Amino acid sequence: LRVLAPLLRLDARTADGRTIADVIDSVGDPAPWQTAIGTLDDPI
């Protein structure tokens, strides 16, 4: 979701009381050691 942020409606709510924006603010970008999640600049 953090990778997809520019394409998402970030004000959408979740059942844990936060918005999608809050959720992605709580995590970091994809780690350099992994290859399972790409980025918008370097997609799969």
PDB file of all heavy atoms in Angstrom:
ATOM      1  N   LEU A   1       0.829  -1.205   0.000  1.00  0.00           N
ATOM      2  CA  LEU A   1       0.000   0.000   0.000  1.00  0.00           C
ATOM      3  C   LEU A   1       0.867   1.261   0.000  1.00  0.00           C
ATOM      4  O   LEU A   1       0.522   2.266  -0.632  1.00  0.00           O
ATOM      5  CB  LEU A   1      -0.942   0.003   1.208  1.00  0.00           C
ATOM      6  CG  LEU A   1      -2.040  -1.066   1.220  1.00  0.00           C
ATOM      7  CD1 LEU A   1      -2.810  -1.005   2.532  1.00  0.00           C
ATOM      8  CD2 LEU A   1      -2.994  -0.898   0.040  1.00  0.00           C
ATOM      9  N   ARG A   2       1.990   1.206   0.706  1.00  0.00           N
ATOM     10  CA  ARG A   2       2.902   2.362   0.708  1.00  0.00           C
ATOM     11  C   ARG A   2       3.445   2.626  -0.700  1.00  0.00           C
ATOM     12  O   ARG A   2       3.515   3.784  -1.141  1.00  0.00           O
ATOM     13  CB  ARG A   2       4.045   2.127   1.690  1.00  0.00           C
ATOM     14  CG  ARG A   2       4.966   3.336   1.840  1.00  0.00           C
ATOM     15  CD  ARG A   2       5.995   3.131   2.930  1.00  0.00           C
ATOM     16  NE  ARG A   2       6.867   4.283   3.058  1.00  0.00           N
ATOM     17  CZ  ARG A   2       6.594   5.361   3.795  1.00  0.00           C
ATOM     18  NH1 ARG A   2       5.463   5.419   4.486  1.00  0.00           N
ATOM     19  NH2 ARG A   2       7.438   6.373   3.857  1.00  0.00           N
ATOM     20  N   VAL A   3       3.796   1.562  -1.393  1.00  0.00           N
ATOM     21  CA  VAL A   3       4.268   1.713  -2.769  1.00  0.00           C
ATOM     22  C   VAL A   3       3.165   2.308  -3.651  1.00  0.00           C
ATOM     23  O   VAL A   3       3.422   3.157  -4.519  1.00  0.00           O
ATOM     24  CB  VAL A   3       4.723   0.347  -3.326  1.00  0.00           C
ATOM     25  CG1 VAL A   3       5.035   0.444  -4.826  1.00  0.00           C
ATOM     26  CG2 VAL A   3       5.943  -0.169  -2.571  1.00  0.00           C
ATOM     27  N   LEU A   4       1.933   1.871  -3.412  1.00  0.00           N
ATOM     28  CA  LEU A   4       0.801   2.284  -4.238  1.00  0.00           C
ATOM     29  C   LEU A   4       0.226   3.644  -3.853  1.00  0.00           C
ATOM     30  O   LEU A   4      -0.722   4.119  -4.489  1.00  0.00           O
ATOM     31  CB  LEU A   4      -0.324   1.240  -4.133  1.00  0.00           C
ATOM     32  CG  LEU A   4      -0.134  -0.072  -4.895  1.00  0.00           C
ATOM     33  CD1 LEU A   4      -1.175  -1.080  -4.449  1.00  0.00           C
ATOM     34  CD2 LEU A   4      -0.215   0.164  -6.404  1.00  0.00           C
ATOM     35  N   ALA A   5       0.780   4.277  -2.830  1.00  0.00           N
ATOM     36  CA  ALA A   5       0.188   5.496  -2.266  1.00  0.00           C
ATOM     37  C   ALA A   5      -0.241   6.529  -3.305  1.00  0.00           C
ATOM     38  O   ALA A   5      -1.338   7.094  -3.203  1.00  0.00           O
ATOM     39  CB  ALA A   5       1.137   6.118  -1.247  1.00  0.00           C
ATOM     40  N   PRO A   6       0.571   6.801  -4.344  1.00  0.00           N
ATOM     41  CA  PRO A   6       0.133   7.813  -5.322  1.00  0.00           C
ATOM     42  C   PRO A   6      -1.131   7.428  -6.086  1.00  0.00           C
ATOM     43  O   PRO A   6      -1.769   8.299  -6.693  1.00  0.00           O
ATOM     44  CB  PRO A   6       1.337   7.915  -6.281  1.00  0.00           C
ATOM     45  CG  PRO A   6       2.502   7.417  -5.496  1.00  0.00           C
ATOM     46  CD  PRO A   6       1.949   6.340  -4.616  1.00  0.00           C
ATOM     47  N   LEU A   7      -1.497   6.136  -6.050  1.00  0.00           N
ATOM     48  CA  LEU A   7      -2.646   5.657  -6.814  1.00  0.00           C
ATOM     49  C   LEU A   7      -3.859   5.375  -5.929  1.00  0.00           C
ATOM     50  O   LEU A   7      -4.911   4.968  -6.445  1.00  0.00           O
ATOM     51  CB  LEU A   7      -2.270   4.371  -7.573  1.00  0.00           C
ATOM     52  CG  LEU A   7      -1.049   4.462  -8.494  1.00  0.00           C
ATOM     53  CD1 LEU A   7      -0.758   3.103  -9.120  1.00  0.00           C
ATOM     54  CD2 LEU A   7      -1.249   5.516  -9.561  1.00  0.00           C
ATOM     55  N   LEU A   8      -3.727   5.588  -4.630  1.00  0.00           N
ATOM     56  CA  LEU A   8      -4.784   5.216  -3.681  1.00  0.00           C
ATOM     57  C   LEU A   8      -5.572   6.432  -3.197  1.00  0.00           C
ATOM     58  O   LEU A   8      -5.092   7.563  -3.244  1.00  0.00           O
ATOM     59  CB  LEU A   8      -4.183   4.491  -2.483  1.00  0.00           C
ATOM     60  CG  LEU A   8      -3.480   3.163  -2.751  1.00  0.00           C
ATOM     61  CD1 LEU A   8      -2.844   2.640  -1.468  1.00  0.00           C
ATOM     62  CD2 LEU A   8      -4.446   2.129  -3.327  1.00  0.00           C
ATOM     63  N   ARG A   9      -6.767   6.140  -2.682  1.00  0.00           N
ATOM     64  CA  ARG A   9      -7.578   7.141  -1.983  1.00  0.00           C
ATOM     65  C   ARG A   9      -7.202   7.029  -0.510  1.00  0.00           C
ATOM     66  O   ARG A   9      -7.686   6.144   0.214  1.00  0.00           O
ATOM     67  CB  ARG A   9      -9.059   6.879  -2.185  1.00  0.00           C
ATOM     68  CG  ARG A   9      -9.572   7.232  -3.585  1.00  0.00           C
ATOM     69  CD  ARG A   9      -9.174   6.202  -4.602  1.00  0.00           C
ATOM     70  NE  ARG A   9      -9.625   6.567  -5.957  1.00  0.00           N
ATOM     71  CZ  ARG A   9      -9.202   5.967  -7.047  1.00  0.00           C
ATOM     72  NH1 ARG A   9      -8.284   4.994  -6.987  1.00  0.00           N
ATOM     73  NH2 ARG A   9      -9.660   6.322  -8.232  1.00  0.00           N
ATOM     74  N   LEU A  10      -6.339   7.893  -0.049  1.00  0.00           N
ATOM     75  CA  LEU A  10      -5.683   7.726   1.247  1.00  0.00           C
ATOM     76  C   LEU A  10      -6.586   8.031   2.432  1.00  0.00           C
ATOM     77  O   LEU A  10      -6.271   7.657   3.570  1.00  0.00           O
ATOM     78  CB  LEU A  10      -4.427   8.589   1.310  1.00  0.00           C
ATOM     79  CG  LEU A  10      -3.360   8.260   0.260  1.00  0.00           C
ATOM     80  CD1 LEU A  10      -2.191   9.226   0.375  1.00  0.00           C
ATOM     81  CD2 LEU A  10      -2.874   6.816   0.420  1.00  0.00           C
ATOM     82  N   ASP A  11      -7.718   8.695   2.212  1.00  0.00           N
ATOM     83  CA  ASP A  11      -8.636   8.999   3.299  1.00  0.00           C
ATOM     84  C   ASP A  11      -9.586   7.853   3.616  1.00  0.00           C
ATOM     85  O   ASP A  11     -10.369   7.945   4.568  1.00  0.00           O
ATOM     86  CB  ASP A  11      -9.455  10.253   2.971  1.00  0.00           C
ATOM     87  CG  ASP A  11      -8.612  11.521   2.980  1.00  0.00           C
ATOM     88  OD1 ASP A  11      -7.564  11.517   3.662  1.00  0.00           O
ATOM     89  OD2 ASP A  11      -8.989  12.490   2.298  1.00  0.00           O
ATOM     90  N   ALA A  12      -9.536   6.784   2.821  1.00  0.00           N
ATOM     91  CA  ALA A  12     -10.415   5.641   3.083  1.00  0.00           C
ATOM     92  C   ALA A  12     -10.135   5.084   4.473  1.00  0.00           C
ATOM     93  O   ALA A  12      -8.977   4.992   4.902  1.00  0.00           O
ATOM     94  CB  ALA A  12     -10.193   4.563   2.028  1.00  0.00           C
ATOM     95  N   ARG A  13     -11.197   4.679   5.167  1.00  0.00           N
ATOM     96  CA  ARG A  13     -11.076   4.220   6.548  1.00  0.00           C
ATOM     97  C   ARG A  13     -10.811   2.727   6.605  1.00  0.00           C
ATOM     98  O   ARG A  13     -11.053   1.981   5.648  1.00  0.00           O
ATOM     99  CB  ARG A  13     -12.364   4.523   7.325  1.00  0.00           C
ATOM    100  CG  ARG A  13     -12.702   5.988   7.433  1.00  0.00           C
ATOM    101  CD  ARG A  13     -13.976   6.186   8.228  1.00  0.00           C
ATOM    102  NE  ARG A  13     -13.793   5.862   9.645  1.00  0.00           N
ATOM    103  CZ  ARG A  13     -14.783   5.843  10.538  1.00  0.00           C
ATOM    104  NH1 ARG A  13     -16.024   6.088  10.154  1.00  0.00           N
ATOM    105  NH2 ARG A  13     -14.549   5.549  11.805  1.00  0.00           N
ATOM    106  N   THR A  14     -10.341   2.276   7.749  1.00  0.00           N
ATOM    107  CA  THR A  14     -10.187   0.851   8.029  1.00  0.00           C
ATOM    108  C   THR A  14     -10.865   0.546   9.356  1.00  0.00           C
ATOM    109  O   THR A  14     -11.109   1.440  10.171  1.00  0.00           O
ATOM    110  CB  THR A  14      -8.700   0.439   8.109  1.00  0.00           C
ATOM    111  OG1 THR A  14      -8.119   1.012   9.281  1.00  0.00           O
ATOM    112  CG2 THR A  14      -7.926   0.898   6.886  1.00  0.00           C
ATOM    113  N   ALA A  15     -11.154  -0.723   9.570  1.00  0.00           N
ATOM    114  CA  ALA A  15     -11.877  -1.123  10.773  1.00  0.00           C
ATOM    115  C   ALA A  15     -11.026  -1.030  12.035  1.00  0.00           C
ATOM    116  O   ALA A  15     -11.549  -1.197  13.138  1.00  0.00           O
ATOM    117  CB  ALA A  15     -12.414  -2.546  10.608  1.00  0.00           C
ATOM    118  N   ASP A  16      -9.734  -0.765  11.901  1.00  0.00           N
ATOM    119  CA  ASP A  16      -8.920  -0.588  13.117  1.00  0.00           C
ATOM    120  C   ASP A  16      -8.876   0.876  13.556  1.00  0.00           C
ATOM    121  O   ASP A  16      -8.129   1.244  14.462  1.00  0.00           O
ATOM    122  CB  ASP A  16      -7.512  -1.164  12.936  1.00  0.00           C
ATOM    123  CG  ASP A  16      -6.574  -0.235  12.152  1.00  0.00           C
ATOM    124  OD1 ASP A  16      -7.087   0.633  11.409  1.00  0.00           O
ATOM    125  OD2 ASP A  16      -5.355  -0.396  12.284  1.00  0.00           O
ATOM    126  N   GLY A  17      -9.704   1.718  12.905  1.00  0.00           N
ATOM    127  CA  GLY A  17      -9.836   3.097  13.338  1.00  0.00           C
ATOM    128  C   GLY A  17      -8.943   4.074  12.609  1.00  0.00           C
ATOM    129  O   GLY A  17      -9.030   5.283  12.831  1.00  0.00           O
ATOM    130  N   ARG A  18      -8.067   3.573  11.750  1.00  0.00           N
ATOM    131  CA  ARG A  18      -7.147   4.444  11.031  1.00  0.00           C
ATOM    132  C   ARG A  18      -7.571   4.601   9.572  1.00  0.00           C
ATOM    133  O   ARG A  18      -8.439   3.889   9.080  1.00  0.00           O
ATOM    134  CB  ARG A  18      -5.729   3.877  11.094  1.00  0.00           C
ATOM    135  CG  ARG A  18      -5.154   3.811  12.509  1.00  0.00           C
ATOM    136  CD  ARG A  18      -3.710   3.325  12.487  1.00  0.00           C
ATOM    137  NE  ARG A  18      -3.605   1.915  12.128  1.00  0.00           N
ATOM    138  CZ  ARG A  18      -2.445   1.300  11.872  1.00  0.00           C
ATOM    139  NH1 ARG A  18      -1.305   1.988  11.925  1.00  0.00           N
ATOM    140  NH2 ARG A  18      -2.416   0.017  11.573  1.00  0.00           N
ATOM    141  N   THR A  19      -6.940   5.536   8.891  1.00  0.00           N
ATOM    142  CA  THR A  19      -7.103   5.661   7.449  1.00  0.00           C
ATOM    143  C   THR A  19      -5.987   4.889   6.752  1.00  0.00           C
ATOM    144  O   THR A  19      -4.999   4.478   7.376  1.00  0.00           O
ATOM    145  CB  THR A  19      -7.042   7.129   7.010  1.00  0.00           C
ATOM    146  OG1 THR A  19      -5.725   7.631   7.289  1.00  0.00           O
ATOM    147  CG2 THR A  19      -8.088   7.968   7.735  1.00  0.00           C
ATOM    148  N   ILE A  20      -6.140   4.714   5.436  1.00  0.00           N
ATOM    149  CA  ILE A  20      -5.063   4.088   4.654  1.00  0.00           C
ATOM    150  C   ILE A  20      -3.783   4.909   4.784  1.00  0.00           C
ATOM    151  O   ILE A  20      -2.673   4.360   4.875  1.00  0.00           O
ATOM    152  CB  ILE A  20      -5.489   3.946   3.178  1.00  0.00           C
ATOM    153  CG1 ILE A  20      -6.649   2.950   3.036  1.00  0.00           C
ATOM    154  CG2 ILE A  20      -4.305   3.505   2.321  1.00  0.00           C
ATOM    155  CD1 ILE A  20      -6.301   1.514   3.381  1.00  0.00           C
ATOM    156  N   ALA A  21      -3.906   6.222   4.843  1.00  0.00           N
ATOM    157  CA  ALA A  21      -2.721   7.080   5.022  1.00  0.00           C
ATOM    158  C   ALA A  21      -2.009   6.752   6.326  1.00  0.00           C
ATOM    159  O   ALA A  21      -0.768   6.690   6.380  1.00  0.00           O
ATOM    160  CB  ALA A  21      -3.134   8.554   4.995  1.00  0.00           C
ATOM    161  N   ASP A  22      -2.782   6.538   7.395  1.00  0.00           N
ATOM    162  CA  ASP A  22      -2.178   6.190   8.687  1.00  0.00           C
ATOM    163  C   ASP A  22      -1.442   4.856   8.598  1.00  0.00           C
ATOM    164  O   ASP A  22      -0.351   4.688   9.163  1.00  0.00           O
ATOM    165  CB  ASP A  22      -3.250   6.100   9.771  1.00  0.00           C
ATOM    166  CG  ASP A  22      -3.940   7.430  10.037  1.00  0.00           C
ATOM    167  OD1 ASP A  22      -3.285   8.470   9.879  1.00  0.00           O
ATOM    168  OD2 ASP A  22      -5.131   7.401  10.402  1.00  0.00           O
ATOM    169  N   VAL A  23      -2.051   3.897   7.898  1.00  0.00           N
ATOM    170  CA  VAL A  23      -1.450   2.561   7.780  1.00  0.00           C
ATOM    171  C   VAL A  23      -0.102   2.646   7.075  1.00  0.00           C
ATOM    172  O   VAL A  23       0.906   2.086   7.532  1.00  0.00           O
ATOM    173  CB  VAL A  23      -2.395   1.588   7.042  1.00  0.00           C
ATOM    174  CG1 VAL A  23      -1.685   0.260   6.743  1.00  0.00           C
ATOM    175  CG2 VAL A  23      -3.660   1.331   7.857  1.00  0.00           C
ATOM    176  N   ILE A  24      -0.050   3.367   5.961  1.00  0.00           N
ATOM    177  CA  ILE A  24       1.206   3.401   5.205  1.00  0.00           C
ATOM    178  C   ILE A  24       2.264   4.251   5.902  1.00  0.00           C
ATOM    179  O   ILE A  24       3.461   4.034   5.707  1.00  0.00           O
ATOM    180  CB  ILE A  24       0.986   3.869   3.754  1.00  0.00           C
ATOM    181  CG1 ILE A  24       0.496   5.300   3.690  1.00  0.00           C
ATOM    182  CG2 ILE A  24       0.015   2.947   3.050  1.00  0.00           C
ATOM    183  CD1 ILE A  24       0.347   5.823   2.274  1.00  0.00           C
ATOM    184  N   ASP A  25       1.823   5.181   6.741  1.00  0.00           N
ATOM    185  CA  ASP A  25       2.792   5.973   7.508  1.00  0.00           C
ATOM    186  C   ASP A  25       3.482   5.138   8.588  1.00  0.00           C
ATOM    187  O   ASP A  25       4.542   5.529   9.094  1.00  0.00           O
ATOM    188  CB  ASP A  25       2.102   7.170   8.167  1.00  0.00           C
ATOM    189  CG  ASP A  25       1.833   8.299   7.179  1.00  0.00           C
ATOM    190  OD1 ASP A  25       2.411   8.263   6.072  1.00  0.00           O
ATOM    191  OD2 ASP A  25       1.023   9.190   7.508  1.00  0.00           O
ATOM    192  N   SER A  26       2.890   3.990   8.928  1.00  0.00           N
ATOM    193  CA  SER A  26       3.439   3.148   9.997  1.00  0.00           C
ATOM    194  C   SER A  26       4.462   2.137   9.496  1.00  0.00           C
ATOM    195  O   SER A  26       5.035   1.393  10.291  1.00  0.00           O
ATOM    196  CB  SER A  26       2.307   2.411  10.715  1.00  0.00           C
ATOM    197  OG  SER A  26       1.713   1.442   9.863  1.00  0.00           O
ATOM    198  N   VAL A  27       4.693   2.084   8.183  1.00  0.00           N
ATOM    199  CA  VAL A  27       5.653   1.128   7.622  1.00  0.00           C
ATOM    200  C   VAL A  27       6.648   1.857   6.725  1.00  0.00           C
ATOM    201  O   VAL A  27       6.411   2.997   6.302  1.00  0.00           O
ATOM    202  CB  VAL A  27       4.946   0.014   6.817  1.00  0.00           C
ATOM    203  CG1 VAL A  27       4.039  -0.800   7.708  1.00  0.00           C
ATOM    204  CG2 VAL A  27       4.158   0.597   5.646  1.00  0.00           C
ATOM    205  N   GLY A  28       7.722   1.183   6.410  1.00  0.00           N
ATOM    206  CA  GLY A  28       8.737   1.762   5.543  1.00  0.00           C
ATOM    207  C   GLY A  28       8.587   1.324   4.109  1.00  0.00           C
ATOM    208  O   GLY A  28       7.694   0.552   3.743  1.00  0.00           O
ATOM    209  N   ASP A  29       9.484   1.809   3.264  1.00  0.00           N
ATOM    210  CA  ASP A  29       9.517   1.399   1.869  1.00  0.00           C
ATOM    211  C   ASP A  29       9.996  -0.049   1.762  1.00  0.00           C
ATOM    212  O   ASP A  29      10.564  -0.598   2.711  1.00  0.00           O
ATOM    213  CB  ASP A  29      10.478   2.305   1.094  1.00  0.00           C
ATOM    214  CG  ASP A  29       9.988   3.739   1.020  1.00  0.00           C
ATOM    215  OD1 ASP A  29       8.757   3.938   0.974  1.00  0.00           O
ATOM    216  OD2 ASP A  29      10.840   4.652   1.030  1.00  0.00           O
ATOM    217  N   PRO A  30       9.770  -0.691   0.608  1.00  0.00           N
ATOM    218  CA  PRO A  30      10.267  -2.062   0.436  1.00  0.00           C
ATOM    219  C   PRO A  30      11.772  -2.138   0.711  1.00  0.00           C
ATOM    220  O   PRO A  30      12.549  -1.311   0.239  1.00  0.00           O
ATOM    221  CB  PRO A  30       9.957  -2.371  -1.030  1.00  0.00           C
ATOM    222  CG  PRO A  30       8.820  -1.472  -1.371  1.00  0.00           C
ATOM    223  CD  PRO A  30       9.041  -0.218  -0.585  1.00  0.00           C
ATOM    224  N   ALA A  31      12.163  -3.133   1.487  1.00  0.00           N
ATOM    225  CA  ALA A  31      13.570  -3.278   1.861  1.00  0.00           C
ATOM    226  C   ALA A  31      14.413  -3.697   0.647  1.00  0.00           C
ATOM    227  O   ALA A  31      13.930  -4.435  -0.221  1.00  0.00           O
ATOM    228  CB  ALA A  31      13.709  -4.306   2.970  1.00  0.00           C
ATOM    229  N   PRO A  32      15.651  -3.275   0.579  1.00  0.00           N
ATOM    230  CA  PRO A  32      16.479  -3.598  -0.585  1.00  0.00           C
ATOM    231  C   PRO A  32      16.837  -5.078  -0.703  1.00  0.00           C
ATOM    232  O   PRO A  32      17.168  -5.534  -1.802  1.00  0.00           O
ATOM    233  CB  PRO A  32      17.748  -2.752  -0.359  1.00  0.00           C
ATOM    234  CG  PRO A  32      17.757  -2.436   1.103  1.00  0.00           C
ATOM    235  CD  PRO A  32      16.338  -2.362   1.523  1.00  0.00           C
ATOM    236  N   TRP A  33      16.731  -5.810   0.411  1.00  0.00           N
ATOM    237  CA  TRP A  33      17.113  -7.233   0.360  1.00  0.00           C
ATOM    238  C   TRP A  33      16.033  -8.116  -0.242  1.00  0.00           C
ATOM    239  O   TRP A  33      16.293  -9.270  -0.598  1.00  0.00           O
ATOM    240  CB  TRP A  33      17.444  -7.744   1.767  1.00  0.00           C
ATOM    241  CG  TRP A  33      16.347  -7.518   2.780  1.00  0.00           C
ATOM    242  CD1 TRP A  33      16.270  -6.505   3.678  1.00  0.00           C
ATOM    243  CD2 TRP A  33      15.177  -8.325   2.977  1.00  0.00           C
ATOM    244  NE1 TRP A  33      15.124  -6.610   4.429  1.00  0.00           N
ATOM    245  CE2 TRP A  33      14.432  -7.723   4.021  1.00  0.00           C
ATOM    246  CE3 TRP A  33      14.690  -9.487   2.392  1.00  0.00           C
ATOM    247  CZ2 TRP A  33      13.221  -8.246   4.467  1.00  0.00           C
ATOM    248  CZ3 TRP A  33      13.484 -10.008   2.833  1.00  0.00           C
ATOM    249  CH2 TRP A  33      12.757  -9.398   3.862  1.00  0.00           C
ATOM    250  N   GLN A  34      14.811  -7.601  -0.351  1.00  0.00           N
ATOM    251  CA  GLN A  34      13.705  -8.457  -0.809  1.00  0.00           C
ATOM    252  C   GLN A  34      13.421  -8.210  -2.287  1.00  0.00           C
ATOM    253  O   GLN A  34      13.744  -7.154  -2.838  1.00  0.00           O
ATOM    254  CB  GLN A  34      12.456  -8.219   0.038  1.00  0.00           C
ATOM    255  CG  GLN A  34      11.867  -6.815  -0.019  1.00  0.00           C
ATOM    256  CD  GLN A  34      11.007  -6.569  -1.248  1.00  0.00           C
ATOM    257  OE1 GLN A  34      10.226  -7.440  -1.644  1.00  0.00           O
ATOM    258  NE2 GLN A  34      11.155  -5.397  -1.866  1.00  0.00           N
ATOM    259  N   THR A  35      12.791  -9.185  -2.928  1.00  0.00           N
ATOM    260  CA  THR A  35      12.450  -9.051  -4.351  1.00  0.00           C
ATOM    261  C   THR A  35      10.978  -9.336  -4.612  1.00  0.00           C
ATOM    262  O   THR A  35      10.558  -9.391  -5.770  1.00  0.00           O
ATOM    263  CB  THR A  35      13.305 -10.012  -5.199  1.00  0.00           C
ATOM    264  OG1 THR A  35      13.112 -11.360  -4.731  1.00  0.00           O
ATOM    265  CG2 THR A  35      14.775  -9.646  -5.123  1.00  0.00           C
ATOM    266  N   ALA A  36      10.187  -9.535  -3.552  1.00  0.00           N
ATOM    267  CA  ALA A  36       8.776  -9.895  -3.731  1.00  0.00           C
ATOM    268  C   ALA A  36       7.914  -8.690  -4.081  1.00  0.00           C
ATOM    269  O   ALA A  36       6.888  -8.833  -4.753  1.00  0.00           O
ATOM    270  CB  ALA A  36       8.234 -10.570  -2.469  1.00  0.00           C
ATOM    271  N   ILE A  37       8.289  -7.492  -3.596  1.00  0.00           N
ATOM    272  CA  ILE A  37       7.498  -6.282  -3.825  1.00  0.00           C
ATOM    273  C   ILE A  37       8.322  -5.299  -4.642  1.00  0.00           C
ATOM    274  O   ILE A  37       9.416  -4.910  -4.237  1.00  0.00           O
ATOM    275  CB  ILE A  37       7.082  -5.625  -2.496  1.00  0.00           C
ATOM    276  CG1 ILE A  37       6.295  -6.606  -1.626  1.00  0.00           C
ATOM    277  CG2 ILE A  37       6.241  -4.374  -2.760  1.00  0.00           C
ATOM    278  CD1 ILE A  37       5.954  -6.067  -0.238  1.00  0.00           C
ATOM    279  N   GLY A  38       7.799  -4.918  -5.796  1.00  0.00           N
ATOM    280  CA  GLY A  38       8.469  -3.937  -6.630  1.00  0.00           C
ATOM    281  C   GLY A  38       8.049  -2.521  -6.279  1.00  0.00           C
ATOM    282  O   GLY A  38       7.362  -2.286  -5.271  1.00  0.00           O
ATOM    283  N   THR A  39       8.418  -1.582  -7.084  1.00  0.00           N
ATOM    284  CA  THR A  39       8.050  -0.176  -6.894  1.00  0.00           C
ATOM    285  C   THR A  39       7.430   0.351  -8.188  1.00  0.00           C
ATOM    286  O   THR A  39       7.527  -0.284  -9.250  1.00  0.00           O
ATOM    287  CB  THR A  39       9.262   0.682  -6.528  1.00  0.00           C
ATOM    288  OG1 THR A  39      10.166   0.699  -7.651  1.00  0.00           O
ATOM    289  CG2 THR A  39       9.969   0.138  -5.302  1.00  0.00           C
ATOM    290  N   LEU A  40       6.820   1.517  -8.123  1.00  0.00           N
ATOM    291  CA  LEU A  40       6.250   2.107  -9.332  1.00  0.00           C
ATOM    292  C   LEU A  40       7.327   2.445 -10.354  1.00  0.00           C
ATOM    293  O   LEU A  40       7.083   2.404 -11.565  1.00  0.00           O
ATOM    294  CB  LEU A  40       5.446   3.358  -8.972  1.00  0.00           C
ATOM    295  CG  LEU A  40       4.181   3.121  -8.125  1.00  0.00           C
ATOM    296  CD1 LEU A  40       3.531   4.447  -7.761  1.00  0.00           C
ATOM    297  CD2 LEU A  40       3.187   2.215  -8.844  1.00  0.00           C
ATOM    298  N   ASP A  41       8.532   2.755  -9.875  1.00  0.00           N
ATOM    299  CA  ASP A  41       9.640   3.043 -10.785  1.00  0.00           C
ATOM    300  C   ASP A  41      10.312   1.775 -11.305  1.00  0.00           C
ATOM    301  O   ASP A  41      10.932   1.790 -12.369  1.00  0.00           O
ATOM    302  CB  ASP A  41      10.687   3.906 -10.084  1.00  0.00           C
ATOM    303  CG  ASP A  41      10.183   5.312  -9.788  1.00  0.00           C
ATOM    304  OD1 ASP A  41       9.325   5.796 -10.548  1.00  0.00           O
ATOM    305  OD2 ASP A  41      10.628   5.904  -8.790  1.00  0.00           O
ATOM    306  N   ASP A  42      10.202   0.702 -10.554  1.00  0.00           N
ATOM    307  CA  ASP A  42      10.829  -0.571 -10.931  1.00  0.00           C
ATOM    308  C   ASP A  42       9.850  -1.711 -10.642  1.00  0.00           C
ATOM    309  O   ASP A  42      10.036  -2.493  -9.723  1.00  0.00           O
ATOM    310  CB  ASP A  42      12.134  -0.760 -10.144  1.00  0.00           C
ATOM    311  CG  ASP A  42      12.905  -2.002 -10.587  1.00  0.00           C
ATOM    312  OD1 ASP A  42      12.659  -2.488 -11.714  1.00  0.00           O
ATOM    313  OD2 ASP A  42      13.728  -2.499  -9.786  1.00  0.00           O
ATOM    314  N   PRO A  43       8.766  -1.805 -11.431  1.00  0.00           N
ATOM    315  CA  PRO A  43       7.732  -2.808 -11.160  1.00  0.00           C
ATOM    316  C   PRO A  43       8.162  -4.206 -11.560  1.00  0.00           C
ATOM    317  O   PRO A  43       9.159  -4.399 -12.256  1.00  0.00           O
ATOM    318  CB  PRO A  43       6.561  -2.323 -12.011  1.00  0.00           C
ATOM    319  CG  PRO A  43       7.211  -1.625 -13.167  1.00  0.00           C
ATOM    320  CD  PRO A  43       8.449  -0.984 -12.611  1.00  0.00           C
ATOM    321  N   ILE A  44       7.384  -5.175 -11.124  1.00  0.00           N
ATOM    322  CA  ILE A  44       7.612  -6.568 -11.516  1.00  0.00           C
ATOM    323  C   ILE A  44       7.176  -6.789 -12.955  1.00  0.00           C
ATOM    324  O   ILE A  44       7.771  -7.575 -13.696  1.00  0.00           O
ATOM    325  CB  ILE A  44       6.843  -7.522 -10.576  1.00  0.00           C
ATOM    326  CG1 ILE A  44       7.227  -7.269  -9.103  1.00  0.00           C
ATOM    327  CG2 ILE A  44       7.073  -8.979 -10.961  1.00  0.00           C
ATOM    328  CD1 ILE A  44       8.683  -7.493  -8.782  1.00  0.00           C
TER     329      ILE A  44
END
